[in-house]
PDB file of N, CA and C in Angstrom:
ATOM      1  N   UNK A   1       2.503   7.584   1.190  1.00  0.00           N
ATOM      2  CA  UNK A   1       2.961   6.267   1.589  1.00  0.00           C
ATOM      3  C   UNK A   1       4.371   6.317   2.151  1.00  0.00           C
ATOM      4  N   UNK A   2       4.993   7.474   2.027  1.00  0.00           N
ATOM      5  CA  UNK A   2       6.349   7.584   2.574  1.00  0.00           C
ATOM      6  C   UNK A   2       6.368   7.308   4.071  1.00  0.00           C
ATOM      7  N   UNK A   3       5.269   7.629   4.734  1.00  0.00           N
ATOM      8  CA  UNK A   3       5.186   7.415   6.175  1.00  0.00           C
ATOM      9  C   UNK A   3       5.338   5.938   6.541  1.00  0.00           C
ATOM     10  N   UNK A   4       5.010   5.059   5.614  1.00  0.00           N
ATOM     11  CA  UNK A   4       5.137   3.618   5.872  1.00  0.00           C
ATOM     12  C   UNK A   4       6.548   3.121   5.605  1.00  0.00           C
ATOM     13  N   UNK A   5       7.357   3.930   4.956  1.00  0.00           N
ATOM     14  CA  UNK A   5       8.732   3.535   4.675  1.00  0.00           C
ATOM     15  C   UNK A   5       8.835   2.386   3.680  1.00  0.00           C
ATOM     16  N   UNK A   6       7.979   2.407   2.656  1.00  0.00           N
ATOM     17  CA  UNK A   6       7.961   1.320   1.684  1.00  0.00           C
ATOM     18  C   UNK A   6       9.019   1.513   0.604  1.00  0.00           C
ATOM     19  N   UNK A   7       9.527   0.403   0.110  1.00  0.00           N
ATOM     20  CA  UNK A   7      10.451   0.413  -1.027  1.00  0.00           C
ATOM     21  C   UNK A   7       9.640   0.721  -2.289  1.00  0.00           C
ATOM     22  N   UNK A   8      10.291   1.177  -3.350  1.00  0.00           N
ATOM     23  CA  UNK A   8       9.569   1.525  -4.581  1.00  0.00           C
ATOM     24  C   UNK A   8       8.664   0.398  -5.109  1.00  0.00           C
ATOM     25  N   UNK A   9       9.151  -0.838  -5.119  1.00  0.00           N
ATOM     26  CA  UNK A   9       8.330  -1.944  -5.613  1.00  0.00           C
ATOM     27  C   UNK A   9       7.112  -2.154  -4.706  1.00  0.00           C
ATOM     28  N   UNK A  10       7.291  -2.002  -3.407  1.00  0.00           N
ATOM     29  CA  UNK A  10       6.169  -2.127  -2.473  1.00  0.00           C
ATOM     30  C   UNK A  10       5.141  -1.028  -2.734  1.00  0.00           C
ATOM     31  N   UNK A  11       5.611   0.185  -3.017  1.00  0.00           N
ATOM     32  CA  UNK A  11       4.687   1.282  -3.326  1.00  0.00           C
ATOM     33  C   UNK A  11       3.892   0.984  -4.584  1.00  0.00           C
ATOM     34  N   UNK A  12       4.558   0.427  -5.601  1.00  0.00           N
ATOM     35  CA  UNK A  12       3.849   0.067  -6.834  1.00  0.00           C
ATOM     36  C   UNK A  12       2.754  -0.958  -6.546  1.00  0.00           C
ATOM     37  N   UNK A  13       3.079  -1.926  -5.709  1.00  0.00           N
ATOM     38  CA  UNK A  13       2.099  -2.956  -5.358  1.00  0.00           C
ATOM     39  C   UNK A  13       0.922  -2.341  -4.616  1.00  0.00           C
ATOM     40  N   UNK A  14       1.188  -1.448  -3.685  1.00  0.00           N
ATOM     41  CA  UNK A  14       0.103  -0.800  -2.936  1.00  0.00           C
ATOM     42  C   UNK A  14      -0.769   0.026  -3.879  1.00  0.00           C
ATOM     43  N   UNK A  15      -0.160   0.738  -4.808  1.00  0.00           N
ATOM     44  CA  UNK A  15      -0.956   1.537  -5.759  1.00  0.00           C
ATOM     45  C   UNK A  15      -1.898   0.650  -6.565  1.00  0.00           C
ATOM     46  N   UNK A  16      -1.406  -0.498  -7.013  1.00  0.00           N
ATOM     47  CA  UNK A  16      -2.255  -1.418  -7.771  1.00  0.00           C
ATOM     48  C   UNK A  16      -3.327  -2.031  -6.870  1.00  0.00           C
ATOM     49  N   UNK A  17      -2.970  -2.338  -5.642  1.00  0.00           N
ATOM     50  CA  UNK A  17      -3.941  -2.866  -4.688  1.00  0.00           C
ATOM     51  C   UNK A  17      -5.045  -1.833  -4.435  1.00  0.00           C
ATOM     52  N   UNK A  18      -4.664  -0.558  -4.385  1.00  0.00           N
ATOM     53  CA  UNK A  18      -5.641   0.505  -4.169  1.00  0.00           C
ATOM     54  C   UNK A  18      -6.602   0.635  -5.349  1.00  0.00           C
ATOM     55  N   UNK A  19      -6.231   0.080  -6.492  1.00  0.00           N
ATOM     56  CA  UNK A  19      -7.101   0.057  -7.666  1.00  0.00           C
ATOM     57  C   UNK A  19      -7.921  -1.233  -7.710  1.00  0.00           C
ATOM     58  N   UNK A  20      -7.945  -1.949  -6.591  1.00  0.00           N
ATOM     59  CA  UNK A  20      -8.712  -3.195  -6.439  1.00  0.00           C
ATOM     60  C   UNK A  20      -8.223  -4.304  -7.363  1.00  0.00           C
ATOM     61  N   UNK A  21      -6.923  -4.309  -7.650  1.00  0.00           N
ATOM     62  CA  UNK A  21      -6.342  -5.366  -8.479  1.00  0.00           C
ATOM     63  C   UNK A  21      -6.090  -6.606  -7.624  1.00  0.00           C
ATOM     64  N   UNK A  22      -6.337  -7.756  -8.210  1.00  0.00           N
ATOM     65  CA  UNK A  22      -6.070  -9.041  -7.553  1.00  0.00           C
ATOM     66  C   UNK A  22      -4.572  -9.351  -7.657  1.00  0.00           C
ATOM     67  N   UNK A  23      -4.118 -10.281  -6.824  1.00  0.00           N
ATOM     68  CA  UNK A  23      -2.708 -10.676  -6.848  1.00  0.00           C
ATOM     69  C   UNK A  23      -2.260 -11.050  -8.255  1.00  0.00           C
ATOM     70  N   UNK A  24      -3.098 -11.793  -8.957  1.00  0.00           N
ATOM     71  CA  UNK A  24      -2.757 -12.245 -10.313  1.00  0.00           C
ATOM     72  C   UNK A  24      -2.562 -11.053 -11.247  1.00  0.00           C
ATOM     73  N   UNK A  25      -3.425 -10.048 -11.142  1.00  0.00           N
ATOM     74  CA  UNK A  25      -3.307  -8.855 -11.983  1.00  0.00           C
ATOM     75  C   UNK A  25      -2.057  -8.055 -11.621  1.00  0.00           C
ATOM     76  N   UNK A  26      -1.794  -7.924 -10.335  1.00  0.00           N
ATOM     77  CA  UNK A  26      -0.601  -7.203  -9.883  1.00  0.00           C
ATOM     78  C   UNK A  26       0.641  -7.906 -10.410  1.00  0.00           C
ATOM     79  N   UNK A  27       0.668  -9.222 -10.279  1.00  0.00           N
ATOM     80  CA  UNK A  27       1.811 -10.006 -10.751  1.00  0.00           C
ATOM     81  C   UNK A  27       2.028  -9.782 -12.244  1.00  0.00           C
ATOM     82  N   UNK A  28       0.966  -9.848 -13.001  1.00  0.00           N
ATOM     83  CA  UNK A  28       1.065  -9.685 -14.455  1.00  0.00           C
ATOM     84  C   UNK A  28       1.583  -8.291 -14.805  1.00  0.00           C
ATOM     85  N   UNK A  29       1.026  -7.266 -14.172  1.00  0.00           N
ATOM     86  CA  UNK A  29       1.415  -5.889 -14.502  1.00  0.00           C
ATOM     87  C   UNK A  29       2.861  -5.574 -14.130  1.00  0.00           C
ATOM     88  N   UNK A  30       3.347  -6.213 -13.058  1.00  0.00           N
ATOM     89  CA  UNK A  30       4.711  -5.925 -12.604  1.00  0.00           C
ATOM     90  C   UNK A  30       5.722  -6.972 -13.058  1.00  0.00           C
ATOM     91  N   UNK A  31       5.243  -7.997 -13.761  1.00  0.00           N
ATOM     92  CA  UNK A  31       6.155  -9.039 -14.233  1.00  0.00           C
ATOM     93  C   UNK A  31       6.711  -9.897 -13.115  1.00  0.00           C
ATOM     94  N   UNK A  32       5.866 -10.160 -12.111  1.00  0.00           N
ATOM     95  CA  UNK A  32       6.265 -10.963 -10.959  1.00  0.00           C
ATOM     96  C   UNK A  32       5.433 -12.233 -10.899  1.00  0.00           C
ATOM     97  N   UNK A  33       5.895 -13.196 -10.131  1.00  0.00           N
ATOM     98  CA  UNK A  33       5.105 -14.389  -9.855  1.00  0.00           C
ATOM     99  C   UNK A  33       4.111 -14.064  -8.735  1.00  0.00           C
ATOM    100  N   UNK A  34       2.964 -14.742  -8.762  1.00  0.00           N
ATOM    101  CA  UNK A  34       1.961 -14.492  -7.716  1.00  0.00           C
ATOM    102  C   UNK A  34       2.504 -14.724  -6.312  1.00  0.00           C
ATOM    103  N   UNK A  35       3.272 -15.804  -6.080  1.00  0.00           N
ATOM    104  CA  UNK A  35       3.816 -15.965  -4.722  1.00  0.00           C
ATOM    105  C   UNK A  35       4.711 -14.801  -4.297  1.00  0.00           C
ATOM    106  N   UNK A  36       5.390 -14.197  -5.254  1.00  0.00           N
ATOM    107  CA  UNK A  36       6.237 -13.043  -4.939  1.00  0.00           C
ATOM    108  C   UNK A  36       5.373 -11.860  -4.510  1.00  0.00           C
ATOM    109  N   UNK A  37       4.269 -11.651  -5.200  1.00  0.00           N
ATOM    110  CA  UNK A  37       3.341 -10.581  -4.831  1.00  0.00           C
ATOM    111  C   UNK A  37       2.817 -10.833  -3.423  1.00  0.00           C
ATOM    112  N   UNK A  38       2.461 -12.064  -3.129  1.00  0.00           N
ATOM    113  CA  UNK A  38       1.950 -12.392  -1.783  1.00  0.00           C
ATOM    114  C   UNK A  38       3.006 -12.142  -0.710  1.00  0.00           C
ATOM    115  N   UNK A  39       4.256 -12.458  -1.033  1.00  0.00           N
ATOM    116  CA  UNK A  39       5.348 -12.190  -0.085  1.00  0.00           C
ATOM    117  C   UNK A  39       5.476 -10.692   0.155  1.00  0.00           C
ATOM    118  N   UNK A  40       5.459  -9.923  -0.919  1.00  0.00           N
ATOM    119  CA  UNK A  40       5.500  -8.461  -0.785  1.00  0.00           C
ATOM    120  C   UNK A  40       4.340  -7.970   0.073  1.00  0.00           C
ATOM    121  N   UNK A  41       3.143  -8.461  -0.206  1.00  0.00           N
ATOM    122  CA  UNK A  41       1.976  -8.012   0.559  1.00  0.00           C
ATOM    123  C   UNK A  41       2.122  -8.332   2.039  1.00  0.00           C
ATOM    124  N   UNK A  42       2.614  -9.513   2.346  1.00  0.00           N
ATOM    125  CA  UNK A  42       2.831  -9.867   3.753  1.00  0.00           C
ATOM    126  C   UNK A  42       3.767  -8.898   4.440  1.00  0.00           C
ATOM    127  N   UNK A  43       4.823  -8.525   3.757  1.00  0.00           N
ATOM    128  CA  UNK A  43       5.784  -7.580   4.336  1.00  0.00           C
ATOM    129  C   UNK A  43       5.185  -6.179   4.448  1.00  0.00           C
ATOM    130  N   UNK A  44       4.396  -5.811   3.447  1.00  0.00           N
ATOM    131  CA  UNK A  44       3.720  -4.504   3.499  1.00  0.00           C
ATOM    132  C   UNK A  44       2.743  -4.468   4.666  1.00  0.00           C
ATOM    133  N   UNK A  45       1.974  -5.538   4.856  1.00  0.00           N
ATOM    134  CA  UNK A  45       1.027  -5.604   5.979  1.00  0.00           C
ATOM    135  C   UNK A  45       1.770  -5.455   7.304  1.00  0.00           C
ATOM    136  N   UNK A  46       2.910  -6.142   7.433  1.00  0.00           N
ATOM    137  CA  UNK A  46       3.703  -6.029   8.668  1.00  0.00           C
ATOM    138  C   UNK A  46       4.166  -4.592   8.882  1.00  0.00           C
ATOM    139  N   UNK A  47       4.697  -3.983   7.843  1.00  0.00           N
ATOM    140  CA  UNK A  47       5.211  -2.620   7.946  1.00  0.00           C
ATOM    141  C   UNK A  47       4.105  -1.638   8.320  1.00  0.00           C
ATOM    142  N   UNK A  48       2.911  -1.858   7.761  1.00  0.00           N
ATOM    143  CA  UNK A  48       1.786  -0.948   8.011  1.00  0.00           C
ATOM    144  C   UNK A  48       1.005  -1.320   9.272  1.00  0.00           C
ATOM    145  N   UNK A  49       1.385  -2.418   9.912  1.00  0.00           N
ATOM    146  CA  UNK A  49       0.691  -2.907  11.116  1.00  0.00           C
ATOM    147  C   UNK A  49      -0.782  -3.174  10.842  1.00  0.00           C
ATOM    148  N   UNK A  50      -1.044  -3.877   9.739  1.00  0.00           N
ATOM    149  CA  UNK A  50      -2.404  -4.265   9.380  1.00  0.00           C
ATOM    150  C   UNK A  50      -2.435  -5.768   9.116  1.00  0.00           C
ATOM    151  N   UNK A  51      -3.655  -6.308   9.032  1.00  0.00           N
ATOM    152  CA  UNK A  51      -3.789  -7.749   8.844  1.00  0.00           C
ATOM    153  C   UNK A  51      -4.312  -8.141   7.468  1.00  0.00           C
ATOM    154  N   UNK A  52      -4.904  -7.185   6.735  1.00  0.00           N
ATOM    155  CA  UNK A  52      -5.465  -7.562   5.442  1.00  0.00           C
ATOM    156  C   UNK A  52      -5.528  -6.351   4.514  1.00  0.00           C
ATOM    157  N   UNK A  53      -6.001  -6.594   3.285  1.00  0.00           N
ATOM    158  CA  UNK A  53      -6.064  -5.550   2.265  1.00  0.00           C
ATOM    159  C   UNK A  53      -6.935  -4.373   2.683  1.00  0.00           C
ATOM    160  N   UNK A  54      -8.089  -4.668   3.226  1.00  0.00           N
ATOM    161  CA  UNK A  54      -9.012  -3.600   3.598  1.00  0.00           C
ATOM    162  C   UNK A  54      -8.389  -2.690   4.648  1.00  0.00           C
ATOM    163  N   UNK A  55      -7.741  -3.260   5.638  1.00  0.00           N
ATOM    164  CA  UNK A  55      -7.080  -2.440   6.648  1.00  0.00           C
ATOM    165  C   UNK A  55      -5.967  -1.598   6.023  1.00  0.00           C
ATOM    166  N   UNK A  56      -5.261  -2.181   5.060  1.00  0.00           N
ATOM    167  CA  UNK A  56      -4.202  -1.430   4.388  1.00  0.00           C
ATOM    168  C   UNK A  56      -4.791  -0.256   3.609  1.00  0.00           C
ATOM    169  N   UNK A  57      -5.871  -0.487   2.891  1.00  0.00           N
ATOM    170  CA  UNK A  57      -6.530   0.591   2.148  1.00  0.00           C
ATOM    171  C   UNK A  57      -6.940   1.708   3.104  1.00  0.00           C
ATOM    172  N   UNK A  58      -7.535   1.355   4.223  1.00  0.00           N
ATOM    173  CA  UNK A  58      -7.941   2.370   5.207  1.00  0.00           C
ATOM    174  C   UNK A  58      -6.725   3.129   5.732  1.00  0.00           C
ATOM    175  N   UNK A  59      -5.651   2.414   6.002  1.00  0.00           N
ATOM    176  CA  UNK A  59      -4.438   3.050   6.535  1.00  0.00           C
ATOM    177  C   UNK A  59      -3.848   4.030   5.523  1.00  0.00           C
ATOM    178  N   UNK A  60      -3.776   3.621   4.268  1.00  0.00           N
ATOM    179  CA  UNK A  60      -3.218   4.490   3.232  1.00  0.00           C
ATOM    180  C   UNK A  60      -4.090   5.731   3.053  1.00  0.00           C
ATOM    181  N   UNK A  61      -5.408   5.552   3.042  1.00  0.00           N
ATOM    182  CA  UNK A  61      -6.296   6.718   2.932  1.00  0.00           C
ATOM    183  C   UNK A  61      -6.154   7.634   4.140  1.00  0.00           C
ATOM    184  N   UNK A  62      -6.004   7.076   5.316  1.00  0.00           N
ATOM    185  CA  UNK A  62      -5.835   7.894   6.525  1.00  0.00           C
ATOM    186  C   UNK A  62      -4.542   8.706   6.444  1.00  0.00           C
ATOM    187  N   UNK A  63      -3.475   8.081   5.958  1.00  0.00           N
ATOM    188  CA  UNK A  63      -2.202   8.787   5.807  1.00  0.00           C
ATOM    189  C   UNK A  63      -2.345   9.913   4.789  1.00  0.00           C
ATOM    190  N   UNK A  64      -3.005   9.625   3.664  1.00  0.00           N
ATOM    191  CA  UNK A  64      -3.194  10.637   2.618  1.00  0.00           C
ATOM    192  C   UNK A  64      -4.042  11.802   3.121  1.00  0.00           C
ATOM    193  N   UNK A  65      -5.096  11.496   3.861  1.00  0.00           N
ATOM    194  CA  UNK A  65      -5.963  12.545   4.396  1.00  0.00           C
ATOM    195  C   UNK A  65      -5.216  13.409   5.406  1.00  0.00           C
ATOM    196  N   UNK A  66      -4.417  12.775   6.243  1.00  0.00           N
ATOM    197  CA  UNK A  66      -3.633  13.515   7.227  1.00  0.00           C
ATOM    198  C   UNK A  66      -2.641  14.443   6.529  1.00  0.00           C
ATOM    199  N   UNK A  67      -1.975  13.943   5.485  1.00  0.00           N
ATOM    200  CA  UNK A  67      -1.022  14.772   4.739  1.00  0.00           C
ATOM    201  C   UNK A  67      -1.739  15.933   4.064  1.00  0.00           C
ATOM    202  N   UNK A  68      -2.889  15.660   3.480  1.00  0.00           N
ATOM    203  CA  UNK A  68      -3.681  16.712   2.845  1.00  0.00           C
ATOM    204  C   UNK A  68      -4.053  17.785   3.870  1.00  0.00           C
ATOM    205  N   UNK A  69      -4.473  17.362   5.049  1.00  0.00           N
ATOM    206  CA  UNK A  69      -4.891  18.273   6.113  1.00  0.00           C
ATOM    207  C   UNK A  69      -3.711  19.130   6.568  1.00  0.00           C
ATOM    208  N   UNK A  70      -2.542  18.491   6.775  1.00  0.00           N
ATOM    209  CA  UNK A  70      -1.349  19.223   7.212  1.00  0.00           C
ATOM    210  C   UNK A  70      -0.882  20.211   6.158  1.00  0.00           C
ATOM    211  N   UNK A  71      -0.988  19.839   4.863  1.00  0.00           N
ATOM    212  CA  UNK A  71      -0.577  20.722   3.784  1.00  0.00           C
ATOM    213  C   UNK A  71      -1.383  22.014   3.741  1.00  0.00           C
ATOM    214  N   UNK A  72      -2.537  21.998   4.342  1.00  0.00           N
ATOM    215  CA  UNK A  72      -3.390  23.181   4.385  1.00  0.00           C
ATOM    216  C   UNK A  72      -3.241  23.961   5.685  1.00  0.00           C
ATOM    217  N   UNK A  73      -2.183  23.632   6.445  1.00  0.00           N
ATOM    218  CA  UNK A  73      -1.863  24.400   7.633  1.00  0.00           C
ATOM    219  C   UNK A  73      -2.558  23.969   8.910  1.00  0.00           C
ATOM    220  N   UNK A  74      -3.223  22.824   8.866  1.00  0.00           N
ATOM    221  CA  UNK A  74      -3.901  22.330  10.074  1.00  0.00           C
ATOM    222  C   UNK A  74      -2.985  21.371  10.819  1.00  0.00           C
ATOM    223  N   UNK A  75      -3.052  21.379  12.140  1.00  0.00           N
ATOM    224  CA  UNK A  75      -2.250  20.399  12.898  1.00  0.00           C
ATOM    225  C   UNK A  75      -2.811  19.001  12.698  1.00  0.00           C
ATOM    226  N   UNK A  76      -1.945  18.028  12.789  1.00  0.00           N
ATOM    227  CA  UNK A  76      -2.411  16.642  12.605  1.00  0.00           C
ATOM    228  C   UNK A  76      -2.981  16.058  13.875  1.00  0.00           C
TER     229      UNK A  76
END
Protein backbone atom coordinates (compact mmCIF):
# COMPACT_ATOMS: atom_id res chain seq x y z
CA UNK A 1 0.00 0.00 0.00
CA UNK A 2 3.02 2.24 0.16
CA UNK A 3 2.56 2.86 -3.55
CA UNK A 4 -0.67 4.71 -2.73
CA UNK A 5 1.12 7.00 -0.28
CA UNK A 6 -1.41 6.42 2.50
CA UNK A 7 -1.04 7.72 6.05
CA UNK A 8 -0.89 5.08 8.81
CA UNK A 9 -4.55 5.58 9.81
CA UNK A 10 -5.61 5.27 6.16
CA UNK A 11 -3.64 2.02 5.89
CA UNK A 12 -5.41 0.66 8.97
CA UNK A 13 -8.76 1.52 7.42
CA UNK A 14 -7.84 -0.18 4.14
CA UNK A 15 -6.70 -3.31 5.98
CA UNK A 16 -10.05 -3.51 7.79
CA UNK A 17 -11.91 -2.81 4.55
CA UNK A 18 -9.97 -5.67 2.94
CA UNK A 19 -11.44 -7.90 5.67
CA UNK A 20 -14.93 -6.91 4.43
CA UNK A 21 -15.62 -4.78 7.50
CA UNK A 22 -18.47 -2.26 7.30
CA UNK A 23 -17.95 1.41 8.15
CA UNK A 24 -19.58 0.85 11.54
CA UNK A 25 -17.18 -2.01 12.36
CA UNK A 26 -14.16 -0.03 11.19
CA UNK A 27 -15.26 2.93 13.30
CA UNK A 28 -15.71 0.75 16.37
CA UNK A 29 -12.35 -1.01 15.98
CA UNK A 30 -10.43 2.23 15.47
CA UNK A 31 -12.39 4.33 17.96
CA UNK A 32 -13.66 6.71 15.29
CA UNK A 33 -17.05 8.08 14.35
CA UNK A 34 -18.67 6.61 11.24
CA UNK A 35 -18.64 9.95 9.40
CA UNK A 36 -14.90 10.14 10.07
CA UNK A 37 -14.41 6.70 8.53
CA UNK A 38 -16.42 7.80 5.49
CA UNK A 39 -14.26 10.92 5.16
CA UNK A 40 -11.12 8.78 5.31
CA UNK A 41 -12.55 6.42 2.70
CA UNK A 42 -13.36 9.29 0.36
CA UNK A 43 -9.80 10.53 0.59
CA UNK A 44 -8.42 7.02 0.13
CA UNK A 45 -10.59 6.54 -2.98
CA UNK A 46 -9.27 9.84 -4.39
CA UNK A 47 -5.66 8.88 -3.67
CA UNK A 48 -6.12 5.44 -5.25
CA UNK A 49 -8.09 6.87 -8.21
CA UNK A 50 -11.05 4.58 -7.57
CA UNK A 51 -14.76 5.17 -7.07
CA UNK A 52 -15.80 2.48 -4.60
CA UNK A 53 -14.72 -0.27 -2.21
CA UNK A 54 -14.58 -3.01 -4.82
CA UNK A 55 -12.30 -0.97 -7.07
CA UNK A 56 -10.08 -0.22 -4.08
CA UNK A 57 -9.85 -3.92 -3.19
CA UNK A 58 -8.87 -4.73 -6.78
CA UNK A 59 -6.29 -1.94 -6.80
CA UNK A 60 -4.70 -3.07 -3.53
CA UNK A 61 -4.54 -6.69 -4.73
CA UNK A 62 -3.00 -5.56 -8.03
CA UNK A 63 -0.34 -3.58 -6.16
CA UNK A 64 0.39 -6.55 -3.88
CA UNK A 65 0.63 -8.95 -6.82
CA UNK A 66 2.95 -6.60 -8.69
CA UNK A 67 5.20 -6.27 -5.63
CA UNK A 68 5.22 -10.04 -5.17
CA UNK A 69 6.14 -10.50 -8.84
CA UNK A 70 8.95 -7.91 -8.68
CA UNK A 71 10.34 -9.46 -5.47
CA UNK A 72 10.91 -12.65 -7.43
CA UNK A 73 13.03 -10.88 -10.02
CA UNK A 74 10.40 -10.36 -12.71
CA UNK A 75 9.93 -6.99 -14.40
CA UNK A 76 6.68 -5.24 -13.63
